[in-house]
Amino acid sequence: MKVLVTGGCGFIGSNFIHLLMEKYDDVEIRNLDKLTYCGNPENLKDIEKDPRYEFLKGDICDRDAARKAVKGADAVVNFAAESHVDRSIKYPDEFLRTNVIGVEVLLDAAKEAGIGRFVQVGTDEVYGSVMEGFSKEEDPLSPNSPYSASKAAGDLLALSYYRTYGLPVVVTRSSNNFGPYQYPEKAIPLFVTNLISGGKIPLYGDGGNVRDWLYVRDNCEAIDLILREGESGQIYNVGGGDHISNMELVKKILAVMGKDMESVEFVTDRPGHDRRYALDSGKIKKLGWKPESDFRENLESTVEWYERNESWWKALKEKAEIIEW
């Protein structure tokens, strides 16, 4: 199978490419990435000379680049997105451009090329804050940030191309991912790298916001399954099943790293901060998927990865924009 992966130098995209390269001898991967601040070619340095892998620098909003990238591909998996909620509050226009217009450009290119499968990779944040129960694929969308609103728009646009043009689109919506190669503006790598550097964990509000944590490898396995066996026109929730408050998460990280609450600093909460996300993943489990790994073990291995790869994240963190409220 020839797969175009967009945003493949980012966190989940690079992990997905590694997974496909490890699992399948006959896969050919073309990676289209703009190399924004969080797109890092170092994430794929170990495979850059593999004949099954090709890198193209380009923007999914560029129609010529999109057409060139999809040419000859059997499938498209779209990871390309602006994804940091805090940045979306400050720079909403960047999120609308990539997460909506970019999706439209890529869908058009895929339609013109007769692509056999288009996977739009989404987020649980489109459902908004869910105080009780679990979000199902047919639930109304209620996004509360420019990021989640732009992702909801991209999902709906992709599904419209299935219904209007017959493009074989599938949408995934995963919960909070964590693991290696995650840019250190996100919660777990930010907390871990701050502690490694002798700093403190900045904890929003009262720390009571709940997230459903999913190890990135498990999400990539789910996306691979959906790519191959998902039903066109359908949405698949992918949740880790570990519903943990930010305070609980901080305490688990502190325990792994031998620190205490003296290493925590409470900071002003961000605007519109959703209180709780929780996904019903029953639909994808019927395809045969389930998270294979233990949260505590994965958290420990993630901490160890950042401890071993200080040279990877230190340069990124030195130039990262810290957004405060």
Protein backbone atom coordinates (compact mmCIF):
# COMPACT_ATOMS: atom_id res chain seq x y z
CA MET A 1 0.00 0.00 0.00
CA LYS A 2 1.23 3.51 -0.88
CA VAL A 3 0.23 5.88 1.92
CA LEU A 4 0.48 9.66 1.97
CA VAL A 5 0.91 10.82 5.56
CA THR A 6 0.51 14.56 6.07
CA GLY A 7 2.10 16.14 9.12
CA GLY A 8 4.32 13.09 9.47
CA CYS A 9 7.14 14.97 11.21
CA GLY A 10 4.87 15.81 14.13
CA PHE A 11 4.21 13.77 17.26
CA ILE A 12 1.47 11.31 16.29
CA GLY A 13 2.34 11.36 12.59
CA SER A 14 5.95 10.30 13.15
CA ASN A 15 4.89 7.56 15.54
CA PHE A 16 2.39 6.36 12.94
CA ILE A 17 5.05 6.23 10.23
CA HIS A 18 7.35 4.25 12.52
CA LEU A 19 4.51 1.81 13.20
CA LEU A 20 3.75 1.22 9.52
CA MET A 21 7.41 0.78 8.64
CA GLU A 22 7.82 -1.78 11.42
CA LYS A 23 4.63 -3.72 10.68
CA TYR A 24 4.60 -3.95 6.89
CA ASP A 25 7.39 -4.79 4.47
CA ASP A 26 5.36 -3.76 1.44
CA VAL A 27 4.26 -0.30 2.64
CA GLU A 28 5.48 2.83 0.84
CA ILE A 29 5.15 6.12 2.71
CA ARG A 30 5.26 9.67 1.40
CA ASN A 31 5.39 12.28 4.14
CA LEU A 32 4.15 15.80 3.35
CA ASP A 33 5.05 18.23 6.12
CA LYS A 34 5.36 22.02 6.23
CA LEU A 35 7.89 21.77 9.08
CA THR A 36 6.26 24.32 11.34
CA TYR A 37 7.68 24.84 14.83
CA CYS A 38 6.45 21.39 15.95
CA GLY A 39 7.38 19.46 12.80
CA ASN A 40 10.77 17.91 13.45
CA PRO A 41 12.63 15.82 10.82
CA GLU A 42 14.74 14.40 13.65
CA ASN A 43 11.68 12.34 14.62
CA LEU A 44 12.24 10.21 11.49
CA LYS A 45 16.01 10.39 11.10
CA ASP A 46 16.35 6.62 11.57
CA ILE A 47 14.28 5.89 8.43
CA GLU A 48 15.10 8.85 6.19
CA LYS A 49 17.26 6.68 3.89
CA ASP A 50 14.84 3.75 3.73
CA PRO A 51 13.76 3.31 0.08
CA ARG A 52 10.16 2.84 1.22
CA TYR A 53 10.09 6.37 2.67
CA GLU A 54 9.92 9.73 0.86
CA PHE A 55 9.75 13.20 2.40
CA LEU A 56 8.16 16.19 0.69
CA LYS A 57 8.29 19.62 2.30
CA GLY A 58 5.01 21.35 1.65
CA ASP A 59 1.83 22.88 3.03
CA ILE A 60 -1.54 21.13 2.77
CA CYS A 61 -3.02 24.57 1.99
CA ASP A 62 -0.94 24.69 -1.20
CA ARG A 63 -3.00 23.09 -3.99
CA ASP A 64 -0.01 22.27 -6.15
CA ALA A 65 1.84 20.67 -3.24
CA ALA A 66 -1.26 18.67 -2.30
CA ARG A 67 -1.77 17.39 -5.86
CA LYS A 68 1.88 16.40 -6.14
CA ALA A 69 1.78 14.60 -2.80
CA VAL A 70 -1.37 12.53 -3.46
CA LYS A 71 -0.26 11.43 -6.92
CA GLY A 72 0.13 7.66 -7.00
CA ALA A 73 -1.05 7.15 -3.41
CA ASP A 74 -3.61 4.53 -2.41
CA ALA A 75 -4.58 6.29 0.80
CA VAL A 76 -4.20 9.58 2.68
CA VAL A 77 -3.90 9.89 6.46
CA ASN A 78 -4.17 13.53 7.50
CA PHE A 79 -2.32 14.38 10.72
CA ALA A 80 -1.41 17.90 9.54
CA ALA A 81 -2.97 20.30 12.03
CA GLU A 82 -2.38 23.11 14.43
CA SER A 83 -3.17 21.41 17.72
CA HIS A 84 -2.19 23.40 20.83
CA VAL A 85 -5.29 24.86 22.50
CA ASP A 86 -3.38 27.71 24.17
CA ARG A 87 -1.93 28.83 20.83
CA SER A 88 -5.39 28.67 19.23
CA ILE A 89 -6.68 31.21 21.72
CA LYS A 90 -3.89 33.62 20.76
CA TYR A 91 -3.65 32.79 17.03
CA PRO A 92 -7.06 31.49 15.87
CA ASP A 93 -6.42 32.43 12.23
CA GLU A 94 -3.54 29.94 11.96
CA PHE A 95 -5.83 27.16 13.16
CA LEU A 96 -8.63 28.01 10.74
CA ARG A 97 -6.20 28.08 7.84
CA THR A 98 -4.61 24.67 8.43
CA ASN A 99 -7.45 22.79 10.12
CA VAL A 100 -10.22 23.90 7.75
CA ILE A 101 -8.83 25.33 4.51
CA GLY A 102 -5.98 22.82 4.49
CA VAL A 103 -8.41 19.94 4.89
CA GLU A 104 -10.51 21.24 1.99
CA VAL A 105 -7.46 21.53 -0.27
CA LEU A 106 -6.31 18.03 0.62
CA LEU A 107 -9.79 16.57 0.13
CA ASP A 108 -10.01 18.17 -3.32
CA ALA A 109 -6.63 16.73 -4.29
CA ALA A 110 -7.66 13.28 -3.03
CA LYS A 111 -10.95 13.47 -4.94
CA GLU A 112 -9.21 14.44 -8.17
CA ALA A 113 -6.69 11.60 -7.76
CA GLY A 114 -9.33 8.95 -7.00
CA ILE A 115 -7.81 8.08 -3.62
CA GLY A 116 -9.15 4.81 -2.19
CA ARG A 117 -9.18 5.89 1.47
CA PHE A 118 -8.95 9.25 3.27
CA VAL A 119 -8.47 9.18 7.04
CA GLN A 120 -9.11 12.49 8.81
CA VAL A 121 -7.42 12.35 12.22
CA GLY A 122 -9.45 14.24 14.82
CA THR A 123 -9.82 14.87 18.53
CA ASP A 124 -12.26 14.22 21.37
CA GLU A 125 -12.26 17.95 22.12
CA VAL A 126 -14.89 18.51 19.42
CA TYR A 127 -17.51 17.10 21.81
CA GLY A 128 -16.78 19.79 24.37
CA SER A 129 -16.87 19.31 28.12
CA VAL A 130 -18.74 16.17 29.19
CA MET A 131 -19.53 16.25 32.89
CA GLU A 132 -21.06 12.77 33.03
CA GLY A 133 -21.02 9.68 30.84
CA PHE A 134 -19.08 9.19 27.63
CA SER A 135 -19.16 10.88 24.23
CA LYS A 136 -20.41 8.73 21.36
CA GLU A 137 -19.78 9.31 17.68
CA GLU A 138 -23.35 10.44 17.01
CA ASP A 139 -23.38 13.01 19.86
CA PRO A 140 -23.77 16.71 18.98
CA LEU A 141 -20.52 18.65 18.70
CA SER A 142 -19.89 21.46 21.18
CA PRO A 143 -16.34 22.75 20.74
CA ASN A 144 -15.21 25.44 23.17
CA SER A 145 -11.88 26.65 21.78
CA PRO A 146 -10.74 27.88 18.36
CA TYR A 147 -8.69 24.67 18.12
CA SER A 148 -11.59 22.29 18.73
CA ALA A 149 -13.95 24.38 16.61
CA SER A 150 -11.53 24.24 13.68
CA LYS A 151 -11.11 20.48 14.09
CA ALA A 152 -14.89 19.99 14.22
CA ALA A 153 -15.19 21.98 10.99
CA GLY A 154 -12.51 19.83 9.35
CA ASP A 155 -14.27 16.62 10.39
CA LEU A 156 -17.61 17.78 9.03
CA LEU A 157 -16.03 18.95 5.80
CA ALA A 158 -14.35 15.57 5.33
CA LEU A 159 -17.60 13.71 5.95
CA SER A 160 -19.38 16.00 3.47
CA TYR A 161 -16.95 14.85 0.77
CA TYR A 162 -18.08 11.28 1.42
CA ARG A 163 -21.76 12.15 1.22
CA THR A 164 -21.51 14.60 -1.68
CA TYR A 165 -18.72 13.17 -3.83
CA GLY A 166 -18.39 9.58 -2.63
CA LEU A 167 -14.81 10.09 -1.43
CA PRO A 168 -14.13 7.16 0.94
CA VAL A 169 -13.53 9.20 4.11
CA VAL A 170 -13.17 7.90 7.66
CA VAL A 171 -12.80 10.16 10.72
CA THR A 172 -10.98 9.23 13.92
CA ARG A 173 -11.38 11.10 17.19
CA SER A 174 -8.83 10.21 19.83
CA SER A 175 -8.37 11.27 23.44
CA ASN A 176 -5.22 12.93 24.82
CA ASN A 177 -2.11 11.21 23.44
CA PHE A 178 1.25 10.95 25.16
CA GLY A 179 4.56 9.27 24.42
CA PRO A 180 7.91 9.91 22.70
CA TYR A 181 8.47 12.77 20.24
CA GLN A 182 5.72 14.96 21.70
CA TYR A 183 6.52 18.67 21.47
CA PRO A 184 7.28 20.04 24.96
CA GLU A 185 4.43 22.56 24.99
CA LYS A 186 1.94 19.76 25.72
CA ALA A 187 1.13 18.77 29.31
CA ILE A 188 3.13 15.58 29.96
CA PRO A 189 6.35 16.53 28.13
CA LEU A 190 6.13 20.07 29.54
CA PHE A 191 5.79 18.79 33.09
CA VAL A 192 8.50 16.16 32.70
CA THR A 193 11.05 18.41 31.01
CA ASN A 194 10.44 21.19 33.53
CA LEU A 195 11.27 18.77 36.34
CA ILE A 196 14.34 17.44 34.52
CA SER A 197 15.56 21.04 34.17
CA GLY A 198 14.98 21.77 37.87
CA GLY A 199 11.84 23.80 37.27
CA LYS A 200 8.25 23.44 38.41
CA ILE A 201 5.06 22.01 36.95
CA PRO A 202 2.59 24.76 36.01
CA LEU A 203 -0.85 23.44 36.98
CA TYR A 204 -3.91 25.23 35.63
CA GLY A 205 -6.66 26.27 38.05
CA ASP A 206 -7.50 23.72 40.75
CA GLY A 207 -6.12 20.75 38.77
CA GLY A 208 -9.54 19.15 38.58
CA ASN A 209 -9.83 18.98 34.78
CA VAL A 210 -10.15 15.35 33.67
CA ARG A 211 -8.62 13.86 30.53
CA ASP A 212 -8.76 10.39 28.97
CA TRP A 213 -5.10 9.46 28.37
CA LEU A 214 -4.06 7.29 25.43
CA TYR A 215 -0.55 6.05 24.66
CA VAL A 216 0.44 7.17 21.17
CA ARG A 217 1.34 3.65 19.99
CA ASP A 218 -2.16 2.43 20.86
CA ASN A 219 -3.68 5.32 18.91
CA CYS A 220 -1.49 4.57 15.90
CA GLU A 221 -2.60 0.93 15.97
CA ALA A 222 -6.20 2.14 16.00
CA ILE A 223 -5.64 4.49 13.06
CA ASP A 224 -3.95 1.70 11.10
CA LEU A 225 -6.94 -0.58 11.75
CA ILE A 226 -9.37 2.16 10.69
CA LEU A 227 -7.32 2.84 7.57
CA ARG A 228 -7.62 -0.79 6.50
CA GLU A 229 -10.95 -1.94 7.91
CA GLY A 230 -13.00 1.12 8.85
CA GLU A 231 -16.29 1.78 7.08
CA SER A 232 -16.36 4.81 4.81
CA GLY A 233 -18.45 7.71 6.05
CA GLN A 234 -18.04 6.64 9.67
CA ILE A 235 -16.47 8.22 12.76
CA TYR A 236 -14.47 6.14 15.24
CA ASN A 237 -13.72 7.29 18.80
CA VAL A 238 -10.37 6.10 20.17
CA GLY A 239 -10.07 6.47 23.94
CA GLY A 240 -7.43 5.15 26.30
CA GLY A 241 -9.87 4.51 29.13
CA ASP A 242 -7.61 6.14 31.76
CA HIS A 243 -9.67 9.07 33.04
CA ILE A 244 -7.34 11.08 35.24
CA SER A 245 -7.56 14.60 36.64
CA ASN A 246 -4.66 16.91 35.99
CA MET A 247 -3.88 16.85 39.70
CA GLU A 248 -3.75 13.04 39.67
CA LEU A 249 -1.54 13.15 36.59
CA VAL A 250 0.86 15.56 38.26
CA LYS A 251 1.09 13.35 41.35
CA LYS A 252 1.84 10.30 39.19
CA ILE A 253 4.62 12.17 37.37
CA LEU A 254 6.04 13.42 40.65
CA ALA A 255 6.07 9.87 42.02
CA VAL A 256 7.85 8.51 38.94
CA MET A 257 10.47 11.26 39.11
CA GLY A 258 10.96 11.23 42.88
CA LYS A 259 9.57 14.74 43.45
CA ASP A 260 6.88 16.18 45.72
CA MET A 261 4.25 18.94 45.60
CA GLU A 262 6.94 21.55 46.23
CA SER A 263 7.66 21.13 42.52
CA VAL A 264 4.13 22.28 41.55
CA GLU A 265 3.09 25.86 40.84
CA PHE A 266 -0.61 26.68 40.48
CA VAL A 267 -1.19 29.13 37.62
CA THR A 268 -4.15 31.06 36.21
CA ASP A 269 -6.50 28.79 34.29
CA ARG A 270 -6.76 29.27 30.54
CA PRO A 271 -9.96 30.76 29.07
CA GLY A 272 -12.71 28.28 28.20
CA HIS A 273 -10.87 25.33 29.76
CA ASP A 274 -13.04 22.20 29.30
CA ARG A 275 -13.60 20.35 32.56
CA ARG A 276 -13.83 16.74 31.40
CA TYR A 277 -13.42 14.61 28.28
CA ALA A 278 -14.42 10.95 28.10
CA LEU A 279 -14.94 8.78 25.03
CA ASP A 280 -17.08 5.74 24.33
CA SER A 281 -14.78 3.56 22.18
CA GLY A 282 -17.20 0.68 21.72
CA LYS A 283 -17.41 1.14 17.96
CA ILE A 284 -13.72 0.63 17.24
CA LYS A 285 -13.49 -2.17 19.78
CA LYS A 286 -15.97 -4.07 17.59
CA LEU A 287 -13.30 -3.92 14.87
CA GLY A 288 -10.95 -5.70 17.26
CA TRP A 289 -8.98 -2.82 18.76
CA LYS A 290 -8.26 -2.17 22.41
CA PRO A 291 -5.45 -0.29 24.18
CA GLU A 292 -2.74 -2.85 24.82
CA SER A 293 -0.60 -1.06 27.35
CA ASP A 294 -0.68 0.02 30.99
CA PHE A 295 -0.83 3.74 31.78
CA ARG A 296 1.70 3.62 34.61
CA GLU A 297 4.20 1.63 32.54
CA ASN A 298 3.76 3.95 29.57
CA LEU A 299 4.16 7.03 31.76
CA GLU A 300 7.38 5.62 33.17
CA SER A 301 8.73 4.79 29.71
CA THR A 302 7.77 8.26 28.47
CA VAL A 303 9.60 9.93 31.36
CA GLU A 304 12.63 7.74 30.63
CA TRP A 305 12.51 8.72 26.93
CA TYR A 306 12.65 12.44 27.77
CA GLU A 307 15.42 11.81 30.28
CA ARG A 308 17.46 9.97 27.62
CA ASN A 309 16.73 12.47 24.84
CA GLU A 310 17.45 15.81 26.45
CA SER A 311 19.26 16.99 23.32
CA TRP A 312 16.04 16.40 21.31
CA TRP A 313 13.76 18.54 23.45
CA LYS A 314 16.11 21.13 24.95
CA ALA A 315 16.67 23.00 21.68
CA LEU A 316 12.92 22.93 20.97
CA LYS A 317 12.08 24.24 24.40
CA GLU A 318 14.57 27.09 24.21
CA LYS A 319 12.71 28.55 21.23
CA ALA A 320 9.17 27.59 22.28
CA GLU A 321 6.70 30.38 22.95
CA ILE A 322 5.38 30.23 26.50
CA ILE A 323 1.76 31.44 26.59
CA GLU A 324 0.51 32.82 29.89
CA TRP A 325 -2.86 34.27 30.88
